[in-house]
Amino acid sequence: SIDALCDALEEYQGGVVVISHDAQLLSRLCMDEERSQVLVVEDGRIRQYGGDFEDYRNELIKEITAELDEE
């Protein structure tokens, strides 16, 4: 069903806001940086992330790994 949803959204000419914790969905929808933006909500604020979803995901993994190494 994720593939069908992504296929339909790729064909859609309007704007869509997608909020999800599903990495597969977000990765596929955010592959085209010209047509998508990654927005991050932290501390009650929204900011645009300067890369694609995979970049953001990798950054989070590095941060979590560093925190675990500190413990």
C-alpha atoms as a PDB file:
ATOM      1  CA  SER A   1       0.000   0.000   0.000  1.00  0.00           C
ATOM      2  CA  ILE A   2       2.961   2.352   0.539  1.00  0.00           C
ATOM      3  CA  ASP A   3       4.029   1.917  -3.072  1.00  0.00           C
ATOM      4  CA  ALA A   4       0.508   2.640  -4.326  1.00  0.00           C
ATOM      5  CA  LEU A   5       0.263   5.767  -2.163  1.00  0.00           C
ATOM      6  CA  CYS A   6       3.675   7.014  -3.328  1.00  0.00           C
ATOM      7  CA  ASP A   7       2.805   6.347  -6.970  1.00  0.00           C
ATOM      8  CA  ALA A   8      -0.419   8.333  -6.609  1.00  0.00           C
ATOM      9  CA  LEU A   9       1.315  11.235  -4.835  1.00  0.00           C
ATOM     10  CA  GLU A  10       4.025  11.388  -7.504  1.00  0.00           C
ATOM     11  CA  GLU A  11       1.312  11.887 -10.132  1.00  0.00           C
ATOM     12  CA  TYR A  12      -0.559  14.491  -8.071  1.00  0.00           C
ATOM     13  CA  GLN A  13       0.177  18.058  -9.175  1.00  0.00           C
ATOM     14  CA  GLY A  14      -0.847  19.800  -5.940  1.00  0.00           C
ATOM     15  CA  GLY A  15       0.822  20.144  -2.583  1.00  0.00           C
ATOM     16  CA  VAL A  16       0.682  17.587   0.209  1.00  0.00           C
ATOM     17  CA  VAL A  17       1.931  17.610   3.788  1.00  0.00           C
ATOM     18  CA  VAL A  18       2.880  14.132   4.997  1.00  0.00           C
ATOM     19  CA  ILE A  19       3.522  13.421   8.663  1.00  0.00           C
ATOM     20  CA  SER A  20       4.718   9.908   9.363  1.00  0.00           C
ATOM     21  CA  HIS A  21       7.120   7.755  11.328  1.00  0.00           C
ATOM     22  CA  ASP A  22       7.323   5.280   8.446  1.00  0.00           C
ATOM     23  CA  ALA A  23      10.892   5.553   7.133  1.00  0.00           C
ATOM     24  CA  GLN A  24      10.091   3.717   3.884  1.00  0.00           C
ATOM     25  CA  LEU A  25       7.258   6.117   3.057  1.00  0.00           C
ATOM     26  CA  LEU A  26       9.242   9.253   3.905  1.00  0.00           C
ATOM     27  CA  SER A  27      12.358   8.071   2.111  1.00  0.00           C
ATOM     28  CA  ARG A  28      10.449   7.414  -1.085  1.00  0.00           C
ATOM     29  CA  LEU A  29       8.405  10.618  -0.967  1.00  0.00           C
ATOM     30  CA  CYS A  30      11.434  12.814  -0.246  1.00  0.00           C
ATOM     31  CA  MET A  31      13.795  11.406  -2.872  1.00  0.00           C
ATOM     32  CA  ASP A  32      13.223  14.340  -5.246  1.00  0.00           C
ATOM     33  CA  GLU A  33      14.601  17.376  -3.391  1.00  0.00           C
ATOM     34  CA  GLU A  34      13.186  19.730  -6.034  1.00  0.00           C
ATOM     35  CA  ARG A  35       9.642  18.564  -5.318  1.00  0.00           C
ATOM     36  CA  SER A  36       9.893  17.921  -1.580  1.00  0.00           C
ATOM     37  CA  GLN A  37      11.106  19.451   1.654  1.00  0.00           C
ATOM     38  CA  VAL A  38      12.016  17.804   4.916  1.00  0.00           C
ATOM     39  CA  LEU A  39      10.630  19.817   7.825  1.00  0.00           C
ATOM     40  CA  VAL A  40      11.769  19.041  11.354  1.00  0.00           C
ATOM     41  CA  VAL A  41       9.668  19.813  14.430  1.00  0.00           C
ATOM     42  CA  GLU A  42      11.778  20.358  17.557  1.00  0.00           C
ATOM     43  CA  ASP A  43      11.090  22.284  20.732  1.00  0.00           C
ATOM     44  CA  GLY A  44       7.792  23.582  19.378  1.00  0.00           C
ATOM     45  CA  ARG A  45       9.401  25.009  16.248  1.00  0.00           C
ATOM     46  CA  ILE A  46       9.459  23.952  12.610  1.00  0.00           C
ATOM     47  CA  ARG A  47      12.602  24.266  10.505  1.00  0.00           C
ATOM     48  CA  GLN A  48      13.466  23.177   7.007  1.00  0.00           C
ATOM     49  CA  TYR A  49      16.195  20.546   6.882  1.00  0.00           C
ATOM     50  CA  GLY A  50      18.859  21.220   4.250  1.00  0.00           C
ATOM     51  CA  GLY A  51      18.949  17.731   2.763  1.00  0.00           C
ATOM     52  CA  ASP A  52      16.773  14.776   1.938  1.00  0.00           C
ATOM     53  CA  PHE A  53      15.185  12.301   4.331  1.00  0.00           C
ATOM     54  CA  GLU A  54      18.104   9.868   4.101  1.00  0.00           C
ATOM     55  CA  ASP A  55      20.522  12.654   5.102  1.00  0.00           C
ATOM     56  CA  TYR A  56      18.325  13.508   8.082  1.00  0.00           C
ATOM     57  CA  ARG A  57      17.973   9.871   9.068  1.00  0.00           C
ATOM     58  CA  ASN A  58      21.751   9.354   8.917  1.00  0.00           C
ATOM     59  CA  GLU A  59      22.286  12.478  11.042  1.00  0.00           C
ATOM     60  CA  LEU A  60      19.884  11.134  13.676  1.00  0.00           C
ATOM     61  CA  ILE A  61      21.643   7.763  13.715  1.00  0.00           C
ATOM     62  CA  LYS A  62      24.997   9.505  14.300  1.00  0.00           C
ATOM     63  CA  GLU A  63      23.535  11.598  17.141  1.00  0.00           C
ATOM     64  CA  ILE A  64      21.957   8.569  18.823  1.00  0.00           C
ATOM     65  CA  THR A  65      25.151   6.524  18.439  1.00  0.00           C
ATOM     66  CA  ALA A  66      27.212   9.350  19.982  1.00  0.00           C
ATOM     67  CA  GLU A  67      24.808   9.590  22.924  1.00  0.00           C
ATOM     68  CA  LEU A  68      24.980   5.840  23.498  1.00  0.00           C
ATOM     69  CA  ASP A  69      28.775   5.898  23.342  1.00  0.00           C
ATOM     70  CA  GLU A  70      28.819   8.578  26.060  1.00  0.00           C
ATOM     71  CA  GLU A  71      26.924   6.299  28.435  1.00  0.00           C
END
